[in-house]
Amino acid sequence: MSDLTVGARPNGRAPGEMRSVSIEPGYAPYAEGSALIRMGETHVLCTATVEESTAPFLTGSGQGWVTAEYGMLPRSSPERIPRSRSASSGRTKEIQRLIGRSLRAAVNLAALGERSIIVDCDVIRADGGTRTAAITGGYVAVHQALERLVTGGVLERLPIQHMVAAVSAGVVDGQVRLDLEYIEDSTAAVDLNVVMTDAFRFVELQATAEDGSYSTDELNQMLAISEAGIRDLFRLQRDSLGDLPVG
């Protein structure tokens, strides 16, 4: 680390320390795949539904699709969030697209065939990092759904090409920190979301300076602690899936 100013974190966490994380697979018994992920006080329920049709623009191609929907329950935050009854907000659409892109990186869409996996990510409690939690939990739900297709004889082998996980980082009070909770995220000078595969290649980076700018050194530090955090998330994903094969 450089000589960035060191400040106290909520709950006394070290700069590169994640919140307590747990993944509970099979949480929603009626879904083909599901997981409840808890990252500190952020809790997200991810369910995966298999449909025997692909996206309209892929009909006849032999290729499948993975898409996502995301929402925050009205009292998932300290103040009530109005329930969406029409078109989703710009923020919601952006998060849905991020989750969908991230989870498509995990799946061999040609091997999936003309099927769709719809991943619903519902935020039960929000305390920062909801989109990254949704991606990490969403992968477990997708893996379960695809495993069910294999065990049911619909597919010969699991069409998973990579594991995918995500975490946030940022610069708060001049300090590079991993896995920001809301009180940190709301005051961060820089906010970064990192999505990676288990080959440790990037799927997406979303880095924004909320106040001023950031240096190459700060960016490299954020990427380094994010990769370390994602390695831990991959271990949790594997444990939750019982060491099921990747592909």
Protein backbone atom coordinates (compact mmCIF):
# COMPACT_ATOMS: atom_id res chain seq x y z
CA MET A 1 0.00 0.00 0.00
CA SER A 2 1.04 3.61 -0.49
CA ASP A 3 0.94 6.29 2.21
CA LEU A 4 -2.82 6.82 1.83
CA THR A 5 -4.43 8.16 4.99
CA VAL A 6 -5.72 5.35 7.19
CA GLY A 7 -9.15 5.83 8.77
CA ALA A 8 -11.34 3.70 10.96
CA ARG A 9 -13.87 1.43 9.24
CA PRO A 10 -17.28 0.41 10.55
CA ASN A 11 -17.00 -2.64 12.81
CA GLY A 12 -13.24 -2.20 12.88
CA ARG A 13 -12.58 -4.03 9.60
CA ALA A 14 -9.13 -3.84 8.04
CA PRO A 15 -8.95 -2.02 4.67
CA GLY A 16 -8.74 -5.27 2.70
CA GLU A 17 -11.19 -7.23 4.86
CA MET A 18 -14.60 -8.25 3.58
CA ARG A 19 -17.75 -8.36 5.64
CA SER A 20 -18.97 -11.72 6.88
CA VAL A 21 -20.28 -13.61 3.83
CA SER A 22 -22.51 -16.66 3.63
CA ILE A 23 -24.28 -18.37 0.74
CA GLU A 24 -27.26 -20.63 1.40
CA PRO A 25 -28.08 -22.71 -1.71
CA GLY A 26 -31.53 -24.09 -2.43
CA TYR A 27 -33.24 -21.37 -0.38
CA ALA A 28 -36.27 -21.15 -2.70
CA PRO A 29 -37.49 -24.74 -3.18
CA TYR A 30 -39.70 -24.10 -6.23
CA ALA A 31 -36.96 -22.53 -8.36
CA GLU A 32 -34.64 -24.65 -10.52
CA GLY A 33 -31.76 -22.96 -8.72
CA SER A 34 -31.55 -20.51 -5.84
CA ALA A 35 -29.27 -18.98 -3.24
CA LEU A 36 -29.59 -16.53 -0.39
CA ILE A 37 -26.37 -14.55 -0.12
CA ARG A 38 -25.57 -12.46 2.94
CA MET A 39 -22.73 -9.95 2.82
CA GLY A 40 -22.87 -8.27 6.19
CA GLU A 41 -26.26 -6.57 6.37
CA THR A 42 -26.82 -6.89 2.60
CA HIS A 43 -29.03 -9.91 1.90
CA VAL A 44 -30.07 -10.87 -1.64
CA LEU A 45 -32.27 -13.77 -2.74
CA CYS A 46 -31.26 -15.08 -6.18
CA THR A 47 -33.45 -17.54 -8.07
CA ALA A 48 -32.86 -19.10 -11.48
CA THR A 49 -35.71 -20.20 -13.74
CA VAL A 50 -35.24 -22.36 -16.84
CA GLU A 51 -37.45 -21.68 -19.85
CA GLU A 52 -37.49 -23.90 -22.92
CA SER A 53 -37.09 -21.00 -25.34
CA THR A 54 -34.25 -18.64 -26.08
CA ALA A 55 -34.30 -14.88 -26.56
CA PRO A 56 -36.33 -13.92 -29.65
CA PHE A 57 -33.29 -12.63 -31.53
CA LEU A 58 -31.57 -16.03 -31.06
CA THR A 59 -34.46 -18.21 -32.26
CA GLY A 60 -33.15 -20.75 -34.75
CA SER A 61 -29.52 -20.17 -33.77
CA GLY A 62 -29.25 -23.14 -31.41
CA GLN A 63 -27.94 -20.80 -28.74
CA GLY A 64 -29.34 -20.07 -25.30
CA TRP A 65 -29.48 -16.90 -23.22
CA VAL A 66 -29.07 -15.77 -19.61
CA THR A 67 -30.83 -12.65 -18.41
CA ALA A 68 -31.51 -11.05 -15.05
CA GLU A 69 -34.06 -8.98 -13.19
CA TYR A 70 -33.23 -7.00 -10.06
CA GLY A 71 -35.31 -5.25 -7.47
CA MET A 72 -35.20 -3.91 -3.93
CA LEU A 73 -38.05 -4.78 -1.60
CA PRO A 74 -39.84 -1.69 -0.23
CA ARG A 75 -38.34 -1.96 3.29
CA SER A 76 -34.97 -3.36 2.32
CA SER A 77 -33.56 0.06 3.29
CA PRO A 78 -34.14 2.46 6.21
CA GLU A 79 -36.66 4.43 4.15
CA ARG A 80 -39.39 2.74 2.11
CA ILE A 81 -38.62 2.26 -1.57
CA PRO A 82 -41.81 2.55 -3.67
CA ARG A 83 -42.69 -0.71 -5.36
CA SER A 84 -42.18 -0.49 -9.11
CA ARG A 85 -45.50 -0.81 -10.95
CA SER A 86 -44.34 0.25 -14.40
CA ALA A 87 -41.06 0.55 -16.27
CA SER A 88 -37.92 -0.01 -14.21
CA SER A 89 -35.76 2.95 -13.29
CA GLY A 90 -32.55 3.68 -15.15
CA ARG A 91 -30.51 2.44 -12.18
CA THR A 92 -32.44 -0.82 -12.04
CA LYS A 93 -32.04 -1.44 -15.77
CA GLU A 94 -28.31 -0.76 -15.57
CA ILE A 95 -27.91 -3.23 -12.68
CA GLN A 96 -30.01 -5.87 -14.45
CA ARG A 97 -27.84 -5.60 -17.54
CA LEU A 98 -24.68 -5.85 -15.45
CA ILE A 99 -25.91 -9.00 -13.72
CA GLY A 100 -27.01 -10.55 -17.01
CA ARG A 101 -23.69 -9.80 -18.76
CA SER A 102 -21.76 -11.17 -15.81
CA LEU A 103 -23.66 -14.44 -15.60
CA ARG A 104 -23.55 -14.98 -19.36
CA ALA A 105 -19.77 -15.05 -19.01
CA ALA A 106 -20.19 -18.16 -16.86
CA VAL A 107 -22.29 -20.15 -19.33
CA ASN A 108 -21.52 -21.83 -22.63
CA LEU A 109 -24.59 -20.49 -24.42
CA ALA A 110 -24.19 -22.81 -27.40
CA ALA A 111 -24.09 -25.87 -25.13
CA LEU A 112 -27.19 -24.59 -23.31
CA GLY A 113 -29.24 -24.94 -26.50
CA GLU A 114 -32.29 -22.81 -27.19
CA ARG A 115 -33.14 -22.27 -23.54
CA SER A 116 -33.18 -19.25 -21.27
CA ILE A 117 -32.06 -18.89 -17.69
CA ILE A 118 -33.85 -16.01 -15.96
CA VAL A 119 -32.15 -14.92 -12.76
CA ASP A 120 -34.28 -12.89 -10.33
CA CYS A 121 -32.29 -10.97 -7.73
CA ASP A 122 -34.41 -9.55 -4.92
CA VAL A 123 -32.72 -7.40 -2.29
CA ILE A 124 -34.16 -8.22 1.13
CA ARG A 125 -31.78 -6.00 3.10
CA ALA A 126 -29.56 -3.34 1.58
CA ASP A 127 -26.36 -2.05 3.11
CA GLY A 128 -24.14 -1.49 0.07
CA GLY A 129 -22.84 -3.88 -2.58
CA THR A 130 -26.23 -5.24 -3.66
CA ARG A 131 -25.27 -5.64 -7.32
CA THR A 132 -22.05 -7.49 -6.57
CA ALA A 133 -23.83 -9.74 -4.07
CA ALA A 134 -26.49 -10.46 -6.72
CA ILE A 135 -23.83 -11.57 -9.21
CA THR A 136 -22.04 -13.79 -6.70
CA GLY A 137 -25.25 -15.39 -5.44
CA GLY A 138 -26.73 -15.46 -8.94
CA TYR A 139 -23.88 -17.67 -10.14
CA VAL A 140 -24.73 -20.28 -7.51
CA ALA A 141 -28.39 -20.21 -8.55
CA VAL A 142 -27.48 -20.60 -12.25
CA HIS A 143 -25.10 -23.46 -11.51
CA GLN A 144 -27.82 -25.30 -9.59
CA ALA A 145 -30.35 -24.80 -12.38
CA LEU A 146 -27.93 -26.15 -14.98
CA GLU A 147 -26.97 -29.08 -12.76
CA ARG A 148 -30.67 -29.96 -12.59
CA LEU A 149 -30.80 -30.06 -16.39
CA VAL A 150 -27.89 -32.50 -16.39
CA THR A 151 -29.27 -34.77 -13.67
CA GLY A 152 -32.64 -34.71 -15.42
CA GLY A 153 -31.08 -35.94 -18.66
CA VAL A 154 -31.90 -32.77 -20.59
CA LEU A 155 -28.22 -31.91 -21.09
CA GLU A 156 -25.29 -34.32 -21.35
CA ARG A 157 -22.84 -32.10 -19.49
CA LEU A 158 -22.82 -28.96 -17.44
CA PRO A 159 -22.60 -25.91 -19.75
CA ILE A 160 -20.53 -23.89 -17.30
CA GLN A 161 -17.31 -22.46 -18.68
CA HIS A 162 -16.26 -20.24 -15.77
CA MET A 163 -17.19 -19.39 -12.23
CA VAL A 164 -18.08 -15.70 -11.80
CA ALA A 165 -18.05 -13.54 -8.68
CA ALA A 166 -18.03 -9.81 -7.91
CA VAL A 167 -17.09 -7.40 -5.17
CA SER A 168 -16.93 -3.67 -4.57
CA ALA A 169 -14.00 -1.50 -3.55
CA GLY A 170 -13.40 2.20 -3.18
CA VAL A 171 -11.46 5.09 -1.73
CA VAL A 172 -12.95 6.41 1.51
CA ASP A 173 -11.24 9.06 3.64
CA GLY A 174 -8.15 8.67 1.47
CA GLN A 175 -7.96 4.92 2.11
CA VAL A 176 -8.44 2.07 -0.39
CA ARG A 177 -11.06 -0.30 1.03
CA LEU A 178 -12.69 -3.57 0.03
CA ASP A 179 -16.41 -4.40 0.11
CA LEU A 180 -17.97 -1.07 1.01
CA GLU A 181 -21.05 -0.97 3.18
CA TYR A 182 -23.56 1.83 2.70
CA ILE A 183 -22.08 4.33 5.15
CA GLU A 184 -18.78 4.04 3.26
CA ASP A 185 -20.25 3.85 -0.23
CA SER A 186 -22.32 7.00 0.35
CA THR A 187 -19.21 9.04 1.17
CA ALA A 188 -16.65 7.33 -1.09
CA ALA A 189 -14.46 9.51 -3.30
CA VAL A 190 -14.10 6.55 -5.68
CA ASP A 191 -16.42 3.59 -6.16
CA LEU A 192 -15.40 0.43 -8.03
CA ASN A 193 -17.32 -2.74 -8.88
CA VAL A 194 -15.23 -5.68 -10.09
CA VAL A 195 -16.55 -8.83 -11.81
CA MET A 196 -14.09 -11.65 -12.52
CA THR A 197 -14.01 -15.24 -13.73
CA ASP A 198 -12.13 -18.00 -11.93
CA ALA A 199 -9.45 -17.61 -14.61
CA PHE A 200 -8.98 -14.19 -12.97
CA ARG A 201 -9.93 -12.32 -16.09
CA PHE A 202 -12.21 -9.32 -15.86
CA VAL A 203 -15.81 -9.44 -17.00
CA GLU A 204 -16.54 -5.87 -16.00
CA LEU A 205 -15.00 -2.93 -14.18
CA GLN A 206 -17.14 0.00 -13.09
CA ALA A 207 -14.90 2.68 -11.61
CA THR A 208 -16.23 6.15 -10.89
CA ALA A 209 -14.72 9.13 -9.11
CA GLU A 210 -17.52 10.66 -7.09
CA ASP A 211 -15.29 13.43 -5.75
CA GLY A 212 -12.28 14.55 -7.81
CA SER A 213 -10.24 11.81 -9.46
CA TYR A 214 -8.09 8.78 -8.67
CA SER A 215 -4.55 7.70 -9.51
CA THR A 216 -3.17 4.62 -11.23
CA ASP A 217 -1.74 3.59 -7.87
CA GLU A 218 -5.16 3.78 -6.21
CA LEU A 219 -6.78 1.86 -9.07
CA ASN A 220 -4.15 -0.88 -8.88
CA GLN A 221 -4.63 -1.14 -5.13
CA MET A 222 -8.39 -1.46 -5.55
CA LEU A 223 -7.93 -4.16 -8.18
CA ALA A 224 -5.48 -6.07 -5.98
CA ILE A 225 -7.74 -6.17 -2.92
CA SER A 226 -10.75 -6.96 -5.13
CA GLU A 227 -9.01 -9.99 -6.62
CA ALA A 228 -8.13 -11.21 -3.14
CA GLY A 229 -11.76 -10.81 -2.05
CA ILE A 230 -13.06 -12.58 -5.15
CA ARG A 231 -10.75 -15.53 -4.47
CA ASP A 232 -12.50 -15.90 -1.10
CA LEU A 233 -15.90 -15.66 -2.80
CA PHE A 234 -14.99 -18.46 -5.22
CA ARG A 235 -14.16 -20.67 -2.25
CA LEU A 236 -17.53 -19.88 -0.68
CA GLN A 237 -19.32 -20.62 -3.96
CA ARG A 238 -17.56 -23.97 -4.28
CA ASP A 239 -18.37 -24.87 -0.69
CA SER A 240 -22.05 -23.95 -1.16
CA LEU A 241 -22.28 -26.11 -4.28
CA GLY A 242 -20.59 -29.07 -2.62
CA ASP A 243 -17.65 -29.01 -5.02
CA LEU A 244 -19.85 -29.72 -8.02
CA PRO A 245 -17.84 -29.77 -11.29
CA VAL A 246 -17.35 -26.50 -13.15
CA GLY A 247 -17.87 -28.05 -16.58
